[in-house]
Protein backbone atom coordinates (compact mmCIF):
# COMPACT_ATOMS: atom_id res chain seq x y z
CA MET A 1 7.39 -11.98 -16.56
CA ASN A 2 4.99 -8.22 -15.88
CA TYR A 3 2.36 -9.39 -13.17
CA ARG A 4 -0.64 -6.43 -12.82
CA VAL A 5 -0.88 -4.57 -10.97
CA VAL A 6 -4.58 -3.14 -9.16
CA PHE A 7 -5.81 -1.48 -5.59
CA SER A 8 -8.75 -2.28 -4.04
CA PRO A 9 -11.29 -0.38 -3.06
CA GLU A 10 -9.64 0.06 0.64
CA ALA A 11 -6.08 1.28 -0.59
CA ILE A 12 -7.57 3.21 -2.74
CA GLN A 13 -9.99 5.03 -0.03
CA ASP A 14 -5.80 4.84 2.11
CA LEU A 15 -4.59 7.12 -0.92
CA ASN A 16 -7.50 9.33 -0.94
CA ASP A 17 -7.22 9.56 2.96
CA LEU A 18 -3.47 10.79 3.07
CA HIS A 19 -3.72 13.19 0.25
CA ALA A 20 -6.39 15.02 2.21
CA TYR A 21 -4.50 14.45 5.53
CA ILE A 22 -0.99 16.25 3.20
CA LEU A 23 -3.37 18.69 1.74
CA SER A 24 -4.67 20.19 4.71
CA GLU A 25 -0.96 19.65 7.02
CA ALA A 26 1.45 20.83 3.88
CA GLY A 27 -0.26 22.05 0.58
CA PRO A 28 -1.69 20.85 -2.71
CA TRP A 29 1.41 20.72 -4.76
CA ARG A 30 2.91 18.56 -1.92
CA ALA A 31 0.32 16.12 -1.06
CA ARG A 32 -0.35 15.07 -5.32
CA GLU A 33 3.44 14.15 -5.23
CA TYR A 34 3.74 12.62 -2.30
CA VAL A 35 0.86 10.02 -2.89
CA SER A 36 1.65 10.39 -6.85
CA LYS A 37 5.18 8.77 -5.87
CA LEU A 38 3.61 6.70 -3.36
CA TYR A 39 1.31 5.64 -6.15
CA ASP A 40 3.99 5.35 -8.87
CA TYR A 41 5.83 3.13 -6.49
CA CYS A 42 3.08 0.01 -5.96
CA LEU A 43 2.53 0.08 -9.72
CA SER A 44 6.27 -0.65 -9.68
CA PHE A 45 5.89 -4.04 -8.43
CA GLU A 46 4.25 -5.73 -11.77
CA THR A 47 8.33 -5.88 -12.95
CA PHE A 48 9.25 -7.22 -9.61
CA PRO A 49 6.81 -8.01 -6.78
CA GLN A 50 8.15 -10.63 -4.50
CA ARG A 51 9.67 -7.55 -2.33
CA GLY A 52 9.09 -6.76 1.29
CA THR A 53 7.90 -8.87 4.70
CA ARG A 54 6.00 -12.26 4.21
CA ARG A 55 3.44 -11.09 6.31
CA ASP A 56 1.33 -15.24 6.51
CA ASP A 57 0.81 -14.81 10.69
CA LEU A 58 -1.15 -11.84 10.06
CA SER A 59 -2.81 -14.28 6.61
CA PRO A 60 -1.94 -15.96 4.89
CA GLY A 61 0.32 -14.46 1.32
CA LEU A 62 0.14 -11.27 2.99
CA ARG A 63 3.66 -9.66 1.68
CA ILE A 64 4.41 -6.12 3.84
CA VAL A 65 7.28 -3.54 2.50
CA GLY A 66 8.18 0.06 2.89
CA TYR A 67 8.10 3.00 1.84
CA HIS A 68 10.04 6.27 2.82
CA ARG A 69 10.66 4.79 6.49
CA ARG A 70 7.07 7.07 6.94
CA ALA A 71 4.46 4.77 4.87
CA THR A 72 3.33 0.53 5.05
CA ILE A 73 1.65 -0.90 1.92
CA ALA A 74 0.08 -4.51 3.02
CA PHE A 75 0.12 -5.71 -0.92
CA ARG A 76 -0.89 -10.06 -2.02
CA ILE A 77 -0.22 -11.95 -5.15
CA ASP A 78 -1.72 -14.11 -6.41
CA GLY A 79 -0.74 -15.56 -10.05
CA GLU A 80 0.08 -12.85 -12.13
CA GLU A 81 -1.77 -9.98 -10.24
CA VAL A 82 -0.08 -8.62 -7.75
CA THR A 83 -3.15 -6.46 -5.35
CA ILE A 84 -2.45 -3.90 -2.80
CA LEU A 85 -4.67 -4.33 -0.12
CA ARG A 86 -3.97 -1.38 2.04
CA LEU A 87 -1.68 1.33 2.66
CA PHE A 88 -1.13 2.33 6.41
CA HIS A 89 0.87 5.87 7.02
CA ARG A 90 2.89 6.32 10.02
CA GLY A 91 1.98 4.67 12.90
CA ARG A 92 -1.21 2.72 12.36
CA ASP A 93 -1.16 -0.80 13.45
CA VAL A 94 -0.88 -2.75 10.54
CA ALA A 95 -1.34 -5.83 11.94
CA LEU A 96 -5.24 -4.55 13.28
CA SER A 97 -5.85 -3.41 10.20
CA ALA A 98 -4.71 -6.86 8.21
CA GLU A 99 -7.23 -8.29 11.00
CA ALA A 100 -10.20 -6.08 9.75
CA ALA A 101 -9.35 -6.69 6.16
CA ASP A 102 -9.85 -9.64 6.54
CA GLY A 103 -12.48 -10.49 9.10
């Protein structure tokens, strides 16, 4: 079974912000390469989304998975759809951000 992967507006903004940050720190090639690979990794949830750690303590149905020990992906599975909620890069507080997204 294949799932449909969608990105929330906040996740899209997170990707844009991450691109801008890496662009200023490491240049256009590195920014494009990293964000593209992170995006592709998210799309891979279409074949196996039941990964990562469930974080019902933060929000019902929330799952968290790491990406190369530098990013954290927050997502939900609803039927045949996987929604990428947020993409956190390095030390961002996932708990506070998840609570703000629900509130």
